[in-house]
Every structure is written in structure tokens, then in C-alpha cells.
Amino acid sequence: MMSNEIKILITSAPLKKEFFSLMDNIFLPQLVKV
């Protein structure tokens, strides 16, 4: 399957940081609304 790509994504710190900031921007406002 895509285990290599997934492994690269998980170990890529800048991309991980980007991903989590995106998640914060999307989900935190929703949580605050509720």
C-alpha cells in the first residue's frame, strides 16, 4: 500500500506542524462554538 508515503508524512516535522495548525484553524473554532 502507501506505507512509505505515510511514513514520510509522519516523520516530516514541518509538514506535521502545518497539518496541526490547519487542524487547529478548522476544528478549534468549531469546538468553541459548541
PDB file of N, CA and C in Angstrom:
ATOM      1  N   MET A   1       0.831  -1.204   0.000  1.00  0.00           N
ATOM      2  CA  MET A   1       0.000   0.000   0.000  1.00  0.00           C
ATOM      3  C   MET A   1       0.877   1.272   0.000  1.00  0.00           C
ATOM      4  N   MET A   2       0.446   2.294   0.757  1.00  0.00           N
ATOM      5  CA  MET A   2       1.140   3.580   0.736  1.00  0.00           C
ATOM      6  C   MET A   2       1.955   3.812   2.009  1.00  0.00           C
ATOM      7  N   SER A   3       2.472   2.745   2.600  1.00  0.00           N
ATOM      8  CA  SER A   3       3.162   2.863   3.893  1.00  0.00           C
ATOM      9  C   SER A   3       4.368   3.797   3.819  1.00  0.00           C
ATOM     10  N   ASN A   4       5.089   3.784   2.681  1.00  0.00           N
ATOM     11  CA  ASN A   4       6.235   4.676   2.533  1.00  0.00           C
ATOM     12  C   ASN A   4       5.827   6.135   2.583  1.00  0.00           C
ATOM     13  N   GLU A   5       4.792   6.491   1.820  1.00  0.00           N
ATOM     14  CA  GLU A   5       4.316   7.875   1.814  1.00  0.00           C
ATOM     15  C   GLU A   5       3.846   8.295   3.193  1.00  0.00           C
ATOM     16  N   ILE A   6       3.097   7.410   3.855  1.00  0.00           N
ATOM     17  CA  ILE A   6       2.589   7.700   5.202  1.00  0.00           C
ATOM     18  C   ILE A   6       3.741   7.916   6.168  1.00  0.00           C
ATOM     19  N   LYS A   7       4.751   7.051   6.069  1.00  0.00           N
ATOM     20  CA  LYS A   7       5.918   7.162   6.949  1.00  0.00           C
ATOM     21  C   LYS A   7       6.615   8.508   6.742  1.00  0.00           C
ATOM     22  N   ILE A   8       6.740   8.926   5.474  1.00  0.00           N
ATOM     23  CA  ILE A   8       7.368  10.206   5.154  1.00  0.00           C
ATOM     24  C   ILE A   8       6.539  11.356   5.730  1.00  0.00           C
ATOM     25  N   LEU A   9       5.229  11.264   5.591  1.00  0.00           N
ATOM     26  CA  LEU A   9       4.352  12.316   6.117  1.00  0.00           C
ATOM     27  C   LEU A   9       4.464  12.429   7.629  1.00  0.00           C
ATOM     28  N   ILE A  10       4.498  11.272   8.294  1.00  0.00           N
ATOM     29  CA  ILE A  10       4.558  11.261   9.763  1.00  0.00           C
ATOM     30  C   ILE A  10       5.893  11.814  10.262  1.00  0.00           C
ATOM     31  N   THR A  11       6.977  11.502   9.558  1.00  0.00           N
ATOM     32  CA  THR A  11       8.302  11.912  10.024  1.00  0.00           C
ATOM     33  C   THR A  11       8.689  13.305   9.535  1.00  0.00           C
ATOM     34  N   SER A  12       7.872  13.910   8.675  1.00  0.00           N
ATOM     35  CA  SER A  12       8.161  15.252   8.173  1.00  0.00           C
ATOM     36  C   SER A  12       7.659  16.298   9.151  1.00  0.00           C
ATOM     37  N   ALA A  13       8.563  16.829   9.971  1.00  0.00           N
ATOM     38  CA  ALA A  13       8.177  17.753  11.039  1.00  0.00           C
ATOM     39  C   ALA A  13       7.509  19.034  10.525  1.00  0.00           C
ATOM     40  N   PRO A  14       8.070  19.736   9.529  1.00  0.00           N
ATOM     41  CA  PRO A  14       7.424  20.956   9.034  1.00  0.00           C
ATOM     42  C   PRO A  14       6.017  20.677   8.511  1.00  0.00           C
ATOM     43  N   LEU A  15       5.861  19.573   7.814  1.00  0.00           N
ATOM     44  CA  LEU A  15       4.557  19.227   7.277  1.00  0.00           C
ATOM     45  C   LEU A  15       3.589  18.872   8.401  1.00  0.00           C
ATOM     46  N   LYS A  16       4.104  18.203   9.429  1.00  0.00           N
ATOM     47  CA  LYS A  16       3.283  17.855  10.590  1.00  0.00           C
ATOM     48  C   LYS A  16       2.801  19.120  11.294  1.00  0.00           C
ATOM     49  N   LYS A  17       3.711  20.081  11.446  1.00  0.00           N
ATOM     50  CA  LYS A  17       3.379  21.361  12.070  1.00  0.00           C
ATOM     51  C   LYS A  17       2.291  22.068  11.262  1.00  0.00           C
ATOM     52  N   GLU A  18       2.468  22.080   9.955  1.00  0.00           N
ATOM     53  CA  GLU A  18       1.496  22.673   9.039  1.00  0.00           C
ATOM     54  C   GLU A  18       0.140  21.996   9.187  1.00  0.00           C
ATOM     55  N   PHE A  19       0.160  20.662   9.254  1.00  0.00           N
ATOM     56  CA  PHE A  19      -1.062  19.872   9.371  1.00  0.00           C
ATOM     57  C   PHE A  19      -1.809  20.201  10.659  1.00  0.00           C
ATOM     58  N   PHE A  20      -1.073  20.273  11.771  1.00  0.00           N
ATOM     59  CA  PHE A  20      -1.717  20.524  13.056  1.00  0.00           C
ATOM     60  C   PHE A  20      -2.248  21.948  13.159  1.00  0.00           C
ATOM     61  N   SER A  21      -1.534  22.917  12.573  1.00  0.00           N
ATOM     62  CA  SER A  21      -2.034  24.292  12.577  1.00  0.00           C
ATOM     63  C   SER A  21      -3.313  24.384  11.746  1.00  0.00           C
ATOM     64  N   LEU A  22      -3.359  23.630  10.653  1.00  0.00           N
ATOM     65  CA  LEU A  22      -4.568  23.572   9.837  1.00  0.00           C
ATOM     66  C   LEU A  22      -5.720  22.968  10.626  1.00  0.00           C
ATOM     67  N   MET A  23      -5.441  21.876  11.336  1.00  0.00           N
ATOM     68  CA  MET A  23      -6.457  21.241  12.171  1.00  0.00           C
ATOM     69  C   MET A  23      -6.969  22.206  13.247  1.00  0.00           C
ATOM     70  N   ASP A  24      -6.042  22.940  13.871  1.00  0.00           N
ATOM     71  CA  ASP A  24      -6.425  23.928  14.888  1.00  0.00           C
ATOM     72  C   ASP A  24      -7.347  24.982  14.293  1.00  0.00           C
ATOM     73  N   ASN A  25      -6.979  25.476  13.108  1.00  0.00           N
ATOM     74  CA  ASN A  25      -7.781  26.515  12.459  1.00  0.00           C
ATOM     75  C   ASN A  25      -9.169  26.022  12.094  1.00  0.00           C
ATOM     76  N   ILE A  26      -9.292  24.740  11.750  1.00  0.00           N
ATOM     77  CA  ILE A  26     -10.583  24.186  11.339  1.00  0.00           C
ATOM     78  C   ILE A  26     -11.416  23.754  12.539  1.00  0.00           C
ATOM     79  N   PHE A  27     -10.825  23.008  13.456  1.00  0.00           N
ATOM     80  CA  PHE A  27     -11.618  22.336  14.491  1.00  0.00           C
ATOM     81  C   PHE A  27     -11.780  23.130  15.782  1.00  0.00           C
ATOM     82  N   LEU A  28     -10.761  23.905  16.176  1.00  0.00           N
ATOM     83  CA  LEU A  28     -10.888  24.667  17.419  1.00  0.00           C
ATOM     84  C   LEU A  28     -12.041  25.669  17.389  1.00  0.00           C
ATOM     85  N   PRO A  29     -12.212  26.464  16.323  1.00  0.00           N
ATOM     86  CA  PRO A  29     -13.375  27.364  16.263  1.00  0.00           C
ATOM     87  C   PRO A  29     -14.702  26.612  16.377  1.00  0.00           C
ATOM     88  N   GLN A  30     -14.779  25.436  15.789  1.00  0.00           N
ATOM     89  CA  GLN A  30     -15.999  24.622  15.870  1.00  0.00           C
ATOM     90  C   GLN A  30     -16.263  24.178  17.303  1.00  0.00           C
ATOM     91  N   LEU A  31     -15.192  23.776  17.996  1.00  0.00           N
ATOM     92  CA  LEU A  31     -15.329  23.348  19.390  1.00  0.00           C
ATOM     93  C   LEU A  31     -15.758  24.514  20.280  1.00  0.00           C
ATOM     94  N   VAL A  32     -15.209  25.686  19.991  1.00  0.00           N
ATOM     95  CA  VAL A  32     -15.546  26.875  20.784  1.00  0.00           C
ATOM     96  C   VAL A  32     -17.015  27.261  20.566  1.00  0.00           C
ATOM     97  N   LYS A  33     -17.484  27.117  19.326  1.00  0.00           N
ATOM     98  CA  LYS A  33     -18.881  27.435  19.014  1.00  0.00           C
ATOM     99  C   LYS A  33     -19.847  26.584  19.826  1.00  0.00           C
ATOM    100  N   VAL A  34     -19.533  25.303  19.944  1.00  0.00           N
ATOM    101  CA  VAL A  34     -20.420  24.368  20.655  1.00  0.00           C
ATOM    102  C   VAL A  34     -20.262  24.517  22.160  1.00  0.00           C
TER     103      VAL A  34
END
